[in-house]
Amino acid sequence: MMLFNEHHDVRTTLTLDEDVANRVQAEARRSGRPFKVVVNELLRAGLSQSRRGQRAEPFQVEAVNFGGLRPGLSLDNIAALLEEVEGPQRR
């Protein structure tokens, strides 16, 4: 029994945005690999990444209560609050 990956080339026309084509061509020149190989590698990596992104858990932030403000301070005017807490030379 022979185990191997059999690749069948599929010929298709693909229109790339100019900036994308330039980046792929630059990578092909940099790496010395054919344009076709670089396009296929980038597509495989992108498709693999998009599948991983679908399984990711939603990002959640857990709130932490640091206690209330000192008496006399208010969140209604952030500039005044910063000046009160950090001083007038805060910048």
N, C-alpha and C. Protein backbone atom coordinates (compact mmCIF):
# COMPACT_ATOMS: atom_id res chain seq x y z
N MET A 1 0.83 -1.17 0.00
CA MET A 1 0.00 0.00 0.00
C MET A 1 0.89 1.24 0.00
N MET A 2 0.69 2.15 -0.95
CA MET A 2 1.47 3.38 -1.03
C MET A 2 0.69 4.51 -0.40
N LEU A 3 1.35 5.24 0.49
CA LEU A 3 0.73 6.41 1.10
C LEU A 3 1.43 7.66 0.58
N PHE A 4 0.68 8.52 -0.05
CA PHE A 4 1.24 9.79 -0.52
C PHE A 4 0.09 10.74 -0.80
N ASN A 5 0.40 12.01 -0.79
CA ASN A 5 -0.59 13.02 -1.15
C ASN A 5 -0.53 13.22 -2.65
N GLU A 6 -1.65 13.06 -3.27
CA GLU A 6 -1.72 13.26 -4.71
C GLU A 6 -2.32 14.63 -4.96
N HIS A 7 -1.55 15.50 -5.60
CA HIS A 7 -2.03 16.84 -5.92
C HIS A 7 -2.42 16.89 -7.39
N HIS A 8 -3.58 17.40 -7.63
CA HIS A 8 -4.02 17.61 -9.01
C HIS A 8 -4.06 19.11 -9.25
N ASP A 9 -3.36 19.56 -10.26
CA ASP A 9 -3.38 20.98 -10.59
C ASP A 9 -4.72 21.34 -11.22
N VAL A 10 -5.26 22.44 -10.78
CA VAL A 10 -6.49 22.98 -11.35
C VAL A 10 -6.13 24.33 -11.94
N ARG A 11 -6.36 24.49 -13.18
CA ARG A 11 -6.04 25.74 -13.85
C ARG A 11 -7.22 26.68 -13.72
N THR A 12 -6.93 27.89 -13.26
CA THR A 12 -7.99 28.88 -13.12
C THR A 12 -7.39 30.28 -13.32
N THR A 13 -8.26 31.23 -13.61
CA THR A 13 -7.82 32.62 -13.72
C THR A 13 -8.18 33.31 -12.43
N LEU A 14 -7.20 33.99 -11.87
CA LEU A 14 -7.38 34.68 -10.60
C LEU A 14 -6.92 36.12 -10.78
N THR A 15 -7.79 37.06 -10.47
CA THR A 15 -7.42 38.47 -10.57
C THR A 15 -7.03 38.96 -9.19
N LEU A 16 -5.78 39.40 -9.05
CA LEU A 16 -5.27 39.89 -7.78
C LEU A 16 -5.23 41.41 -7.79
N ASP A 17 -5.49 42.00 -6.65
CA ASP A 17 -5.27 43.44 -6.51
C ASP A 17 -3.79 43.69 -6.70
N GLU A 18 -3.46 44.87 -7.21
CA GLU A 18 -2.07 45.17 -7.54
C GLU A 18 -1.14 45.05 -6.33
N ASP A 19 -1.60 45.54 -5.16
CA ASP A 19 -0.74 45.47 -3.97
C ASP A 19 -0.49 44.03 -3.55
N VAL A 20 -1.49 43.16 -3.70
CA VAL A 20 -1.34 41.75 -3.33
C VAL A 20 -0.38 41.07 -4.31
N ALA A 21 -0.58 41.32 -5.59
CA ALA A 21 0.30 40.72 -6.60
C ALA A 21 1.75 41.15 -6.37
N ASN A 22 1.96 42.42 -6.04
CA ASN A 22 3.32 42.91 -5.78
C ASN A 22 3.95 42.20 -4.59
N ARG A 23 3.16 41.99 -3.54
CA ARG A 23 3.69 41.32 -2.35
C ARG A 23 4.02 39.86 -2.63
N VAL A 24 3.17 39.19 -3.41
CA VAL A 24 3.43 37.79 -3.75
C VAL A 24 4.66 37.69 -4.64
N GLN A 25 4.78 38.58 -5.62
CA GLN A 25 5.95 38.57 -6.49
C GLN A 25 7.22 38.85 -5.70
N ALA A 26 7.15 39.78 -4.76
CA ALA A 26 8.33 40.08 -3.93
C ALA A 26 8.73 38.87 -3.10
N GLU A 27 7.74 38.16 -2.55
CA GLU A 27 8.04 36.95 -1.75
C GLU A 27 8.63 35.87 -2.65
N ALA A 28 8.12 35.73 -3.86
CA ALA A 28 8.66 34.73 -4.79
C ALA A 28 10.12 35.05 -5.11
N ARG A 29 10.40 36.32 -5.37
CA ARG A 29 11.79 36.72 -5.66
C ARG A 29 12.68 36.51 -4.43
N ARG A 30 12.20 36.92 -3.26
CA ARG A 30 12.98 36.81 -2.04
C ARG A 30 13.32 35.36 -1.72
N SER A 31 12.33 34.48 -1.88
CA SER A 31 12.51 33.08 -1.49
C SER A 31 13.07 32.21 -2.61
N GLY A 32 13.02 32.71 -3.85
CA GLY A 32 13.49 31.91 -4.99
C GLY A 32 12.51 30.82 -5.39
N ARG A 33 11.29 30.90 -4.88
CA ARG A 33 10.26 29.90 -5.23
C ARG A 33 9.38 30.47 -6.34
N PRO A 34 8.78 29.60 -7.15
CA PRO A 34 7.89 30.07 -8.21
C PRO A 34 6.66 30.78 -7.65
N PHE A 35 6.14 31.74 -8.40
CA PHE A 35 4.96 32.51 -8.04
C PHE A 35 3.81 31.58 -7.66
N LYS A 36 3.59 30.55 -8.48
CA LYS A 36 2.50 29.59 -8.25
C LYS A 36 2.63 28.91 -6.88
N VAL A 37 3.84 28.54 -6.51
CA VAL A 37 4.09 27.87 -5.23
C VAL A 37 3.79 28.83 -4.08
N VAL A 38 4.25 30.07 -4.20
CA VAL A 38 4.02 31.07 -3.14
C VAL A 38 2.53 31.34 -2.98
N VAL A 39 1.80 31.49 -4.09
CA VAL A 39 0.35 31.72 -4.02
C VAL A 39 -0.33 30.56 -3.30
N ASN A 40 0.01 29.33 -3.66
CA ASN A 40 -0.61 28.17 -3.02
C ASN A 40 -0.29 28.09 -1.53
N GLU A 41 0.96 28.37 -1.15
CA GLU A 41 1.33 28.35 0.27
C GLU A 41 0.58 29.42 1.06
N LEU A 42 0.48 30.62 0.50
CA LEU A 42 -0.23 31.70 1.18
C LEU A 42 -1.72 31.40 1.31
N LEU A 43 -2.30 30.83 0.27
CA LEU A 43 -3.72 30.47 0.33
C LEU A 43 -3.95 29.37 1.38
N ARG A 44 -3.08 28.37 1.40
CA ARG A 44 -3.23 27.31 2.41
C ARG A 44 -3.12 27.88 3.83
N ALA A 45 -2.13 28.75 4.04
CA ALA A 45 -1.94 29.35 5.36
C ALA A 45 -3.15 30.20 5.75
N GLY A 46 -3.66 30.98 4.82
CA GLY A 46 -4.82 31.81 5.10
C GLY A 46 -6.06 30.99 5.39
N LEU A 47 -6.28 29.93 4.61
CA LEU A 47 -7.44 29.07 4.85
C LEU A 47 -7.32 28.34 6.17
N SER A 48 -6.13 27.91 6.51
CA SER A 48 -5.91 27.24 7.79
C SER A 48 -6.17 28.20 8.94
N GLN A 49 -5.69 29.42 8.81
CA GLN A 49 -5.87 30.44 9.85
C GLN A 49 -7.35 30.78 10.02
N SER A 50 -8.10 30.88 8.93
CA SER A 50 -9.51 31.24 9.04
C SER A 50 -10.30 30.14 9.73
N ARG A 51 -9.92 28.90 9.54
CA ARG A 51 -10.60 27.80 10.23
C ARG A 51 -10.34 27.84 11.72
N ARG A 52 -9.10 28.17 12.10
CA ARG A 52 -8.76 28.27 13.52
C ARG A 52 -9.52 29.41 14.17
N GLY A 53 -9.67 30.52 13.44
CA GLY A 53 -10.36 31.68 13.99
C GLY A 53 -11.82 31.40 14.30
N GLN A 54 -12.44 30.51 13.55
CA GLN A 54 -13.85 30.21 13.77
C GLN A 54 -14.05 29.45 15.07
N ARG A 55 -13.07 28.69 15.51
CA ARG A 55 -13.21 27.88 16.72
C ARG A 55 -12.82 28.63 17.99
N ALA A 56 -12.26 29.82 17.83
CA ALA A 56 -11.78 30.55 18.99
C ALA A 56 -12.93 30.97 19.90
N GLU A 57 -12.66 30.92 21.18
CA GLU A 57 -13.65 31.36 22.16
C GLU A 57 -13.78 32.88 22.07
N PRO A 58 -14.97 33.40 22.29
CA PRO A 58 -15.13 34.86 22.27
C PRO A 58 -14.31 35.50 23.38
N PHE A 59 -13.74 36.65 23.07
CA PHE A 59 -12.93 37.37 24.04
C PHE A 59 -13.84 37.94 25.12
N GLN A 60 -13.48 37.74 26.37
CA GLN A 60 -14.26 38.26 27.48
C GLN A 60 -13.35 39.00 28.44
N VAL A 61 -13.86 40.09 28.97
CA VAL A 61 -13.13 40.88 29.95
C VAL A 61 -13.81 40.69 31.30
N GLU A 62 -13.02 40.40 32.29
CA GLU A 62 -13.57 40.27 33.63
C GLU A 62 -13.32 41.57 34.38
N ALA A 63 -14.39 42.16 34.87
CA ALA A 63 -14.28 43.42 35.60
C ALA A 63 -13.71 43.17 37.00
N VAL A 64 -12.93 44.11 37.45
CA VAL A 64 -12.35 44.04 38.79
C VAL A 64 -12.75 45.32 39.51
N ASN A 65 -13.29 45.20 40.68
CA ASN A 65 -13.69 46.36 41.47
C ASN A 65 -12.51 46.82 42.30
N PHE A 66 -12.01 48.01 41.99
CA PHE A 66 -10.89 48.57 42.73
C PHE A 66 -11.37 49.50 43.86
N GLY A 67 -12.66 49.46 44.11
CA GLY A 67 -13.21 50.33 45.15
C GLY A 67 -13.66 51.64 44.55
N GLY A 68 -14.26 52.46 45.35
CA GLY A 68 -14.77 53.74 44.87
C GLY A 68 -13.69 54.80 44.81
N LEU A 69 -14.07 55.96 44.27
CA LEU A 69 -13.16 57.09 44.23
C LEU A 69 -13.03 57.71 45.62
N ARG A 70 -11.94 58.40 45.81
CA ARG A 70 -11.78 59.14 47.06
C ARG A 70 -12.89 60.18 47.15
N PRO A 71 -13.31 60.52 48.32
CA PRO A 71 -14.33 61.56 48.47
C PRO A 71 -13.88 62.85 47.80
N GLY A 72 -14.76 63.49 47.09
CA GLY A 72 -14.45 64.75 46.40
C GLY A 72 -14.01 64.58 44.96
N LEU A 73 -13.74 63.34 44.50
CA LEU A 73 -13.35 63.10 43.12
C LEU A 73 -14.56 62.62 42.33
N SER A 74 -14.58 62.96 41.04
CA SER A 74 -15.71 62.58 40.19
C SER A 74 -15.19 62.15 38.83
N LEU A 75 -15.88 61.22 38.20
CA LEU A 75 -15.54 60.77 36.85
C LEU A 75 -16.21 61.63 35.79
N ASP A 76 -16.99 62.62 36.19
CA ASP A 76 -17.71 63.46 35.23
C ASP A 76 -16.78 64.36 34.42
N ASN A 77 -15.63 64.73 34.96
CA ASN A 77 -14.67 65.59 34.26
C ASN A 77 -13.30 64.93 34.38
N ILE A 78 -12.94 64.16 33.36
CA ILE A 78 -11.69 63.38 33.40
C ILE A 78 -10.47 64.28 33.50
N ALA A 79 -10.47 65.42 32.77
CA ALA A 79 -9.31 66.33 32.82
C ALA A 79 -9.10 66.84 34.24
N ALA A 80 -10.18 67.24 34.91
CA ALA A 80 -10.06 67.72 36.28
C ALA A 80 -9.62 66.60 37.21
N LEU A 81 -10.13 65.40 36.98
CA LEU A 81 -9.73 64.25 37.80
C LEU A 81 -8.25 63.97 37.65
N LEU A 82 -7.75 63.96 36.41
CA LEU A 82 -6.31 63.72 36.18
C LEU A 82 -5.47 64.80 36.84
N GLU A 83 -5.90 66.04 36.73
CA GLU A 83 -5.13 67.11 37.36
C GLU A 83 -5.11 66.97 38.87
N GLU A 84 -6.23 66.57 39.43
CA GLU A 84 -6.32 66.39 40.89
C GLU A 84 -5.43 65.24 41.34
N VAL A 85 -5.44 64.13 40.61
CA VAL A 85 -4.71 62.93 41.01
C VAL A 85 -3.23 63.01 40.65
N GLU A 86 -2.92 63.49 39.43
CA GLU A 86 -1.54 63.48 38.95
C GLU A 86 -0.85 64.83 39.03
N GLY A 87 -1.59 65.88 39.26
CA GLY A 87 -1.02 67.21 39.33
C GLY A 87 -1.08 67.93 38.00
N PRO A 88 -0.87 69.23 38.01
CA PRO A 88 -1.03 70.02 36.78
C PRO A 88 0.08 69.76 35.76
N GLN A 89 1.20 69.16 36.13
CA GLN A 89 2.32 68.90 35.23
C GLN A 89 2.31 67.46 34.71
N ARG A 90 1.14 66.86 34.55
CA ARG A 90 1.02 65.44 34.22
C ARG A 90 1.53 65.08 32.83
N ARG A 91 1.69 66.02 31.95
CA ARG A 91 2.11 65.72 30.57
C ARG A 91 3.56 65.65 30.52
